[in-house]
Structures are given as structure tokens and as C-alpha cells.
Protein backbone atom coordinates (compact mmCIF):
# COMPACT_ATOMS: atom_id res chain seq x y z
CA LYS A 1 -2.07 2.14 -19.78
CA LYS A 2 -3.26 4.57 -17.09
CA ALA A 3 -4.52 1.69 -14.99
CA PHE A 4 -1.29 -0.26 -15.46
CA ARG A 5 0.66 2.81 -14.39
CA LEU A 6 -1.16 2.69 -11.06
CA PHE A 7 0.22 -0.80 -10.54
CA LEU A 8 3.69 0.43 -11.28
CA TYR A 9 3.28 3.50 -9.08
CA LEU A 10 2.83 1.10 -6.23
CA ASN A 11 5.97 -0.90 -6.76
CA LEU A 12 7.72 -0.02 -3.53
CA PHE A 13 6.82 3.58 -2.91
CA PHE A 14 8.41 3.08 0.52
CA LEU A 15 10.87 0.47 1.72
CA LEU A 16 10.10 -1.32 4.98
CA THR A 17 7.29 0.95 6.03
CA SER A 18 6.47 -0.57 9.39
CA PRO A 19 8.63 -1.65 12.33
CA TYR A 20 8.82 -5.23 13.40
CA SER A 21 7.15 -6.34 16.58
CA LEU A 22 9.45 -7.99 19.13
CA GLN A 23 8.22 -11.38 17.95
CA ALA A 24 8.83 -10.50 14.31
CA LYS A 25 12.44 -9.49 14.94
CA ALA A 26 13.27 -13.15 15.46
CA GLN A 27 11.94 -13.92 11.97
CA LEU A 28 14.05 -11.69 9.79
CA PRO A 29 14.18 -13.06 6.24
CA GLN A 30 17.28 -15.02 5.30
CA GLY A 31 20.08 -12.65 4.34
CA LEU A 32 18.84 -9.57 6.23
CA GLU A 33 21.14 -8.85 9.15
CA GLU A 34 19.81 -7.13 12.25
CA ASN A 35 22.07 -4.10 11.90
CA LEU A 36 21.14 -3.55 8.25
CA TYR A 37 17.48 -3.93 9.15
CA GLN A 38 17.85 -1.15 11.75
CA GLN A 39 19.53 1.06 9.17
CA ALA A 40 16.73 0.38 6.70
CA LEU A 41 14.12 1.37 9.27
CA GLN A 42 15.93 4.61 9.99
CA GLY A 43 16.16 5.50 6.31
CA GLN A 44 12.53 4.73 5.56
CA LYS A 45 11.39 6.92 8.46
CA LEU A 46 13.17 9.87 6.89
CA ILE A 47 11.34 9.27 3.60
CA ILE A 48 7.93 8.81 5.19
CA ASN A 49 8.39 12.01 7.21
CA ARG A 50 9.44 13.88 4.05
CA ASP A 51 12.88 14.67 5.42
CA TYR A 52 14.29 14.21 1.96
CA THR A 53 17.62 16.00 2.33
CA GLN A 54 18.55 13.90 5.33
CA ALA A 55 17.29 10.75 3.62
CA GLN A 56 19.59 11.35 0.67
CA LYS A 57 22.59 11.88 2.96
CA PHE A 58 21.64 8.83 4.99
CA PHE A 59 21.57 6.42 2.05
CA GLN A 60 24.71 7.92 0.53
CA ASN A 61 26.52 7.25 3.82
CA LEU A 62 25.01 3.77 3.93
CA GLN A 63 26.61 3.07 0.56
CA LYS A 64 30.00 3.72 2.16
CA ASP A 65 29.25 1.40 5.07
CA TYR A 66 27.72 -1.37 2.90
CA PRO A 67 29.44 -0.99 -0.50
CA ASN A 68 28.30 -4.37 -1.82
CA SER A 69 24.68 -4.24 -0.68
CA PRO A 70 21.80 -3.39 -3.07
CA LEU A 71 19.93 -1.73 -0.20
CA PRO A 72 21.55 1.77 -0.27
CA SER A 73 20.99 2.19 -4.01
CA PHE A 74 17.44 0.92 -3.62
CA GLY A 75 16.87 3.41 -0.81
CA LEU A 76 17.99 6.24 -3.11
CA MET A 77 15.79 4.89 -5.92
CA THR A 78 12.87 4.93 -3.50
CA LEU A 79 13.68 8.48 -2.43
CA TYR A 80 13.83 9.83 -6.00
CA ASN A 81 10.76 7.85 -6.95
CA THR A 82 8.83 9.30 -4.00
CA LEU A 83 9.79 12.84 -4.99
CA MET A 84 8.53 12.23 -8.53
CA MET A 85 5.37 10.49 -7.36
CA GLU A 86 4.31 13.42 -5.21
CA ASN A 87 4.20 15.69 -8.24
CA LEU A 88 3.70 13.07 -10.96
CA ASP A 89 6.74 14.46 -12.75
CA GLN A 90 10.17 13.25 -13.90
CA ALA A 91 12.38 15.79 -12.17
CA TYR A 92 14.73 13.18 -10.67
CA LEU A 93 14.71 10.73 -13.56
CA GLU A 94 18.46 10.90 -14.29
CA ALA A 95 19.39 10.41 -10.62
CA PHE A 96 16.90 7.56 -10.35
CA PHE A 97 18.33 5.60 -13.27
CA GLN A 98 21.89 6.16 -12.10
CA GLU A 99 20.97 4.44 -8.83
CA ALA A 100 19.00 1.83 -10.75
CA ARG A 101 22.16 0.90 -12.67
CA ASN A 102 24.04 0.61 -9.38
CA HIS A 103 21.24 -1.47 -7.91
CA ASN A 104 21.13 -3.83 -10.90
CA TYR A 105 24.87 -4.41 -10.61
CA TYR A 106 24.77 -5.28 -6.90
CA VAL A 107 21.68 -7.48 -7.34
CA HIS A 108 23.37 -9.27 -10.25
CA GLU A 109 26.42 -9.95 -8.06
CA ALA A 110 24.20 -11.14 -5.21
CA LEU A 111 22.27 -13.54 -7.44
CA LYS A 112 25.54 -15.01 -8.77
CA LYS A 113 26.13 -16.59 -5.37
CA GLU A 114 25.70 -20.33 -5.08
CA LYS A 115 22.64 -19.82 -2.90
CA PRO A 116 21.14 -16.30 -3.12
CA SER A 117 19.19 -15.36 -0.02
CA THR A 118 15.50 -14.59 0.34
CA TRP A 119 16.49 -10.98 0.99
CA ASP A 120 18.50 -10.89 -2.25
CA TYR A 121 15.47 -11.98 -4.25
CA PHE A 122 13.21 -9.55 -2.43
CA LEU A 123 15.48 -6.61 -3.25
CA CYS A 124 15.72 -7.83 -6.84
CA GLY A 125 11.93 -7.80 -7.22
CA SER A 126 11.63 -4.45 -5.48
CA GLY A 127 14.18 -2.74 -7.70
CA GLN A 128 12.76 -4.17 -10.91
CA GLY A 129 9.30 -3.00 -9.91
CA LEU A 130 10.45 0.58 -9.44
CA GLN A 131 12.29 0.53 -12.75
CA ALA A 132 9.18 -0.73 -14.49
CA LEU A 133 7.33 2.32 -13.22
CA ARG A 134 9.83 4.77 -14.62
CA LEU A 135 10.14 2.95 -17.94
CA LEU A 136 6.38 3.18 -18.37
CA GLU A 137 6.47 6.89 -17.58
CA GLN A 138 8.86 7.20 -20.51
CA GLU A 139 6.36 5.24 -22.61
CA LYS A 140 8.79 2.33 -22.96
CA THR A 141 5.99 -0.15 -22.44
CA LEU A 142 7.73 -3.34 -23.54
CA GLU A 143 10.77 -2.65 -21.37
CA ALA A 144 8.46 -1.83 -18.46
CA LEU A 145 6.63 -5.13 -18.89
CA GLY A 146 9.98 -6.93 -19.00
CA SER A 147 11.01 -5.39 -15.68
CA ALA A 148 7.63 -6.26 -14.18
CA GLN A 149 8.10 -9.89 -15.25
CA LYS A 150 11.56 -9.95 -13.67
CA ALA A 151 10.07 -8.55 -10.47
CA ARG A 152 7.48 -11.31 -10.45
CA SER A 153 10.15 -13.96 -10.97
CA CYS A 154 12.25 -12.66 -8.08
CA PHE A 155 9.29 -12.50 -5.72
CA ASN A 156 8.36 -16.06 -6.72
CA GLN A 157 11.89 -17.20 -5.90
CA ALA A 158 11.77 -15.47 -2.51
CA LEU A 159 8.50 -17.19 -1.68
CA LYS A 160 9.77 -20.54 -2.95
CA GLN A 161 12.75 -20.30 -0.61
CA ASP A 162 10.64 -19.21 2.33
CA PRO A 163 6.87 -19.85 2.07
CA GLN A 164 6.43 -17.95 5.35
CA PHE A 165 7.94 -14.77 3.88
CA HIS A 166 4.52 -13.27 3.25
CA ASP A 167 5.97 -9.93 2.15
CA ALA A 168 6.75 -11.45 -1.25
CA LYS A 169 3.01 -12.00 -1.72
CA LEU A 170 2.57 -8.27 -1.99
CA GLY A 171 4.70 -8.08 -5.13
CA LEU A 172 2.88 -11.05 -6.67
CA GLY A 173 -0.49 -9.61 -5.71
CA LEU A 174 0.31 -6.27 -7.29
CA TYR A 175 1.44 -7.98 -10.47
CA LEU A 176 -1.66 -10.16 -10.80
CA TYR A 177 -4.12 -7.39 -9.98
CA TRP A 178 -2.75 -4.64 -12.20
CA ARG A 179 -1.86 -6.98 -15.06
CA SER A 180 -5.52 -8.02 -15.06
CA VAL A 181 -6.63 -4.39 -15.12
CA PHE A 182 -4.20 -3.66 -17.94
CA THR A 183 -5.18 -6.63 -20.11
CA ALA A 184 -8.89 -5.95 -19.57
CA HIS A 185 -8.38 -2.32 -20.59
CA TYR A 186 -6.82 -3.40 -23.87
CA HIS A 187 -9.30 -6.27 -24.37
CA LEU A 188 -6.63 -8.96 -24.42
CA PRO A 189 -8.62 -12.22 -24.25
CA PHE A 190 -5.79 -14.63 -23.50
CA PHE A 191 -5.21 -13.45 -19.92
CA LYS A 192 -7.27 -14.64 -17.00
CA ASP A 193 -8.83 -12.01 -14.75
CA GLN A 194 -6.87 -12.45 -11.52
CA ARG A 195 -7.84 -9.27 -9.71
CA LYS A 196 -9.48 -11.21 -6.89
CA GLU A 197 -6.39 -13.35 -6.39
CA GLY A 198 -4.18 -10.29 -6.45
CA LEU A 199 -6.25 -8.52 -3.81
CA GLN A 200 -6.16 -11.63 -1.62
CA LEU A 201 -2.36 -11.81 -1.80
CA MET A 202 -2.09 -8.13 -0.88
CA GLU A 203 -4.37 -8.71 2.08
CA GLU A 204 -2.26 -11.65 3.26
CA ALA A 205 0.85 -9.49 3.08
CA ARG A 206 -0.91 -6.75 5.03
CA LEU A 207 -1.96 -9.12 7.80
CA GLN A 208 1.07 -11.44 7.95
CA GLY A 209 4.00 -9.61 6.40
CA LEU A 210 7.03 -8.55 8.40
CA LEU A 211 8.31 -5.79 6.15
CA THR A 212 5.43 -4.44 4.11
CA GLN A 213 2.35 -4.13 6.27
CA ASP A 214 1.93 -0.43 5.59
CA LEU A 215 2.94 -0.81 1.96
CA SER A 216 0.21 -3.42 1.56
CA SER A 217 -2.23 -0.85 2.88
CA PHE A 218 -1.10 1.55 0.14
CA ALA A 219 -1.50 -1.19 -2.44
CA LEU A 220 -5.03 -1.95 -1.31
CA LEU A 221 -5.84 1.75 -1.11
CA LEU A 222 -5.12 2.29 -4.80
CA ALA A 223 -6.78 -0.97 -5.80
CA TYR A 224 -9.94 0.09 -3.97
CA PHE A 225 -9.81 3.40 -5.83
CA GLN A 226 -9.62 1.48 -9.10
CA GLU A 227 -12.49 -0.78 -7.99
CA GLY A 228 -14.65 2.16 -6.87
CA LYS A 229 -14.73 0.92 -3.26
CA SER A 230 -14.52 4.36 -1.67
CA LYS A 231 -15.61 3.48 1.86
CA GLN A 232 -12.99 0.77 2.16
CA GLY A 233 -10.35 3.02 0.64
CA LEU A 234 -11.17 5.90 2.96
CA ALA A 235 -10.88 3.58 5.96
CA ILE A 236 -7.40 2.53 4.83
CA CYS A 237 -6.37 6.17 4.37
CA GLU A 238 -7.43 6.94 7.91
CA ALA A 239 -5.55 3.92 9.27
CA VAL A 240 -2.38 4.89 7.41
CA LEU A 241 -2.57 8.51 8.56
CA LYS A 242 -3.07 7.42 12.16
CA ASN A 243 0.41 5.86 12.05
CA HIS A 244 1.97 8.26 9.53
CA PRO A 245 0.23 11.65 9.81
CA LYS A 246 2.71 13.30 7.42
CA ASN A 247 2.12 10.87 4.57
CA LEU A 248 1.10 12.99 1.62
CA LEU A 249 -0.04 10.22 -0.72
CA ALA A 250 -2.59 8.98 1.81
CA LYS A 251 -3.86 12.54 2.30
CA ILE A 252 -4.27 13.06 -1.43
CA TYR A 253 -6.28 9.87 -1.79
CA GLN A 254 -8.27 10.67 1.32
CA GLY A 255 -9.51 13.73 -0.53
CA ARG A 256 -10.26 11.75 -3.67
CA PHE A 257 -12.32 9.21 -1.74
CA LEU A 258 -14.18 12.03 0.02
CA LEU A 259 -15.07 13.51 -3.37
CA ARG A 260 -16.37 10.17 -4.62
CA LEU A 261 -18.48 9.80 -1.49
CA GLY A 262 -20.01 13.23 -2.11
CA LYS A 263 -18.23 14.88 0.83
CA LYS A 264 -17.17 17.84 -1.27
CA THR A 265 -16.75 20.39 1.51
CA GLU A 266 -14.47 18.07 3.49
CA ALA A 267 -12.38 17.36 0.41
CA GLN A 268 -12.07 21.05 -0.47
CA LYS A 269 -10.97 21.96 3.05
CA LEU A 270 -8.43 19.16 3.05
CA TYR A 271 -6.88 20.19 -0.27
CA ALA A 272 -6.84 23.86 0.71
CA GLN A 273 -4.92 22.93 3.86
CA LEU A 274 -2.51 20.68 1.95
CA THR A 275 -1.84 23.31 -0.71
CA GLU A 276 -0.80 25.74 2.00
CA GLN A 277 1.13 23.13 3.97
CA TYR A 278 3.06 21.71 1.00
CA PRO A 279 3.85 24.62 -1.34
CA ASP A 280 6.58 22.51 -2.95
CA THR A 281 3.94 20.16 -4.40
CA PRO A 282 2.17 21.89 -7.34
CA LEU A 283 0.00 18.82 -7.98
CA LEU A 284 -2.07 19.84 -4.97
CA GLU A 285 -3.22 22.91 -6.91
CA PHE A 286 -4.84 20.54 -9.38
CA PHE A 287 -6.72 18.60 -6.69
CA LEU A 288 -7.82 21.81 -4.99
CA GLY A 289 -9.23 22.96 -8.33
CA LEU A 290 -10.93 19.60 -8.77
CA SER A 291 -12.64 19.83 -5.38
CA GLN A 292 -13.72 23.42 -5.93
CA GLY A 293 -15.12 22.53 -9.33
CA ALA A 294 -17.13 19.75 -7.71
CA MET A 295 -18.63 22.35 -5.35
CA GLY A 296 -19.56 24.64 -8.24
CA LYS A 297 -16.88 27.20 -7.43
CA ASN A 298 -15.87 27.59 -11.05
CA GLN A 299 -13.78 30.74 -10.80
CA GLU A 300 -11.71 29.45 -7.89
CA ALA A 301 -11.27 26.11 -9.65
CA LYS A 302 -10.03 27.80 -12.83
CA LYS A 303 -7.49 29.81 -10.85
CA HIS A 304 -5.96 26.71 -9.30
CA PHE A 305 -5.96 24.74 -12.55
CA LEU A 306 -4.09 27.61 -14.21
CA ASN A 307 -1.65 27.79 -11.29
CA TYR A 308 -0.97 24.12 -11.76
CA LEU A 309 -0.31 24.59 -15.47
CA LYS A 310 2.28 27.26 -14.61
CA SER A 311 4.36 24.54 -12.97
CA GLN A 312 4.74 22.92 -16.42
CA PRO A 313 3.60 19.41 -15.50
CA LEU A 314 4.02 16.42 -17.78
CA PRO A 315 2.10 16.64 -21.08
CA VAL A 316 -0.48 14.08 -20.01
CA ARG A 317 -1.19 16.10 -16.85
CA GLN A 318 -1.46 19.30 -18.89
CA ALA A 319 -3.93 17.61 -21.23
CA TYR A 320 -6.08 16.46 -18.32
CA THR A 321 -6.02 19.93 -16.72
CA HIS A 322 -7.09 21.58 -19.98
CA TYR A 323 -9.91 19.05 -20.12
CA GLN A 324 -11.08 20.09 -16.66
CA LEU A 325 -10.93 23.76 -17.67
CA GLY A 326 -12.97 22.97 -20.78
CA ILE A 327 -15.63 21.26 -18.66
CA LEU A 328 -15.85 24.31 -16.40
CA TYR A 329 -16.37 26.63 -19.37
CA LEU A 330 -19.04 24.31 -20.76
CA ARG A 331 -20.91 24.60 -17.47
CA GLU A 332 -20.90 28.35 -18.01
CA LYS A 333 -22.09 27.83 -21.63
CA GLN A 334 -18.90 29.41 -22.98
CA ARG A 335 -18.38 26.96 -25.83
CA PRO A 336 -15.58 28.87 -27.66
CA LYS A 337 -13.39 28.96 -24.53
CA ALA A 338 -14.22 25.34 -23.77
CA LYS A 339 -13.19 24.32 -27.29
CA GLU A 340 -9.96 26.29 -26.91
CA HIS A 341 -8.93 24.27 -23.85
CA PHE A 342 -9.98 20.95 -25.39
CA LYS A 343 -7.94 21.85 -28.45
CA GLN A 344 -4.88 22.77 -26.39
CA GLY A 345 -5.10 19.53 -24.48
CA GLN A 346 -5.44 17.55 -27.71
CA ILE A 347 -2.38 19.24 -29.21
CA ILE A 348 -0.24 18.81 -26.10
CA TYR A 349 -0.99 15.11 -25.62
CA PRO A 350 -3.09 13.53 -28.39
CA LYS A 351 -2.69 10.01 -26.99
CA TRP A 352 -5.16 10.91 -24.25
CA LYS A 353 -8.40 10.83 -26.20
CA ALA A 354 -10.87 12.70 -23.98
CA ASN A 355 -10.09 16.16 -25.35
CA GLY A 356 -10.46 14.98 -28.94
CA THR A 357 -13.77 13.33 -28.07
CA MET A 358 -15.11 16.58 -26.61
CA LEU A 359 -13.99 18.55 -29.68
CA LYS A 360 -15.93 16.17 -31.93
CA ARG A 361 -19.04 16.53 -29.80
CA LEU A 362 -18.85 20.31 -29.87
CA SER A 363 -18.29 20.33 -33.62
CA SER A 364 -21.24 18.08 -34.44
């Protein structure tokens, strides 16, 4: 489930994250007008640069200018999703699903046309992908899988209409890759392992897509993290940050790749800087604690883990943080305190099994 969530986290974190070249502007997908494309670019820049208040106003005004378009509601869905992704919380869940209902209505109306456009199908797949993410966060797994299937169908239709619309390959690639991870995790034998095919489709979208070149980089970044390919992932982080130096997700994963590569000091410095730079993102306290723990700075790590817990994160995040605290106390040979944190984590979120496993080991 955790691996599948990564797939869903990716479903359109940003809309239209890279500008067209002059050549590409002549190849707008069917149904996307030049003026609306320019508006979309302006809105996505606000999200990427973390100008969230202005982004919200922008897409709300866009709804007035384009009352029948699914794009404004999708832009707001993307905004609220981004805010929740940065902290791995559900603070904007109600606002997200309100816009999702609006989006579904406008997409439904668009697809009722005699000949829906490639752009209509692309927005359909994009919106369903984001909804699948949030449904999974609510542990509505079957509904989430249903939305993911709808997303796949819409992306297939977009590509069927226009085989040169390589952006649709990103959605299909994400589906194939993370479905394979999910089915392998649950040992479901009737599904073919299509991770390689999924990665190839993402790469084609990154190299040939008009709308989602940067998004494809994010998709590959997280897939490389899943695959343990830290050097490749770090290179993608650096490429993304060269174009978007304010992108927080890329910075977070840059630190995670550095940790995996054994560059603990670099990771710790990065997370210390980010924690100071983005005080509105408590999740960074967790990663700072993680990097300090990797360096053997147990007391500092504990302080930041406890600070993170004060923000009252989701139960699964609390359980994982208590697990990390338990590990730190075990290093110090303080078994009673370690057991206390493993027990708290097990009580808060028993579906995550690591705390229960540690309790059994310490009791044997």
C-alpha cells in the first residue's frame, strides 16, 4: 500500500510544469486553446514557486473567465494536493473534494460531446489520478483503484486520438509501474511485472512531451527512489532544482538520496537549511531528525522527532516517528524507553507492522 501510494502521490503534483518551446507551441493538443494554455502556465508557476495565496486567487478568477472548463477546478485540486503533499497531511481534504466534484462535472459534460478532444481526455485522466491519491489516503482502496483505472482509460483515449501526444504516456507509465509495485507487494500472481515498461513510457514523456517534461522528471525521481537507484535520482533532483530552485519536493528527495549514498553531512545541512527556510512545513523536522540520527547525533534527532510529533501528523506518520525514536533509544541501550515508543506507535497505527515486530523482538 505504501508503494502504491507513491504512484498516487505522483498523479499530477503540478499541472503543465514546463513551458513550450517555440516549435512546441505549434503542436498544442487538440482542444487546448493558446490563451488557456498561457493561463495554465501562469497558474502553474505560482504553485511551483509556492505562491499559494496568489495561486488560489488566480484559479478562482479563471473559473469566472472559463466557467465550463475543467482546468480551473483541476488547478485548485492541484494546489490543495500540493499543500497536503508537502506535509503529508489532509488539511485541505474538504476543499480538494469540493473542487474534485466540480471537476468531475465539467469533465463529464466535456466527454458528452460528439467528439471529445485530446485535451478533454487528458484533463479527465489527470483529475482521476489526483482523486485516486486522496481516496487512498482515506484508506478507500477500492475506490482509489477505480479512479486509477478511469485515469488509465482516459489517457489511453488521449493517446489513441493523437499518438504524438506523448504526455499521455506519462499517465500510462505511472499506472503500469506503480501497479506492478503494488501487486508485487501483495504477492498477486495474476499481474505481469510491467515496471520496465512503465519507466520507459515515463522516459518517453520526459524527452518528447509538450506539457509534462518536468512532471516526468518527478515521476522518474520517485521511481528511482523505489528502485534504489540513488545516483540517477540525485541527478534528476539536481536537474529539477536547476530550473525550479524553490521546488520543495525535489529538495526533500535530494536529501533522501544523499542519505542513501552515505553523504550524511550534506543531507543534514540541507535539511537544517530547509527547516529554517520553510517553518510552515513540519515534515522537515522529521527529515532533519532522520539525518541527524544517521550521523549519530541522537539527542538532536530526538528533539526534532518530538517537534514533528507536536504538529500532530497523520497516524501513520506518528507511528513511523515513534519507531525512529525507539531505534534511537535502542542504540543507547535504553530498552524500556524504546519499548514505550514502539508501543505508542503500535497503538496509534497498528496497520503499520514495524512497531509490533520490534515489540515482539524485545519481549522474546
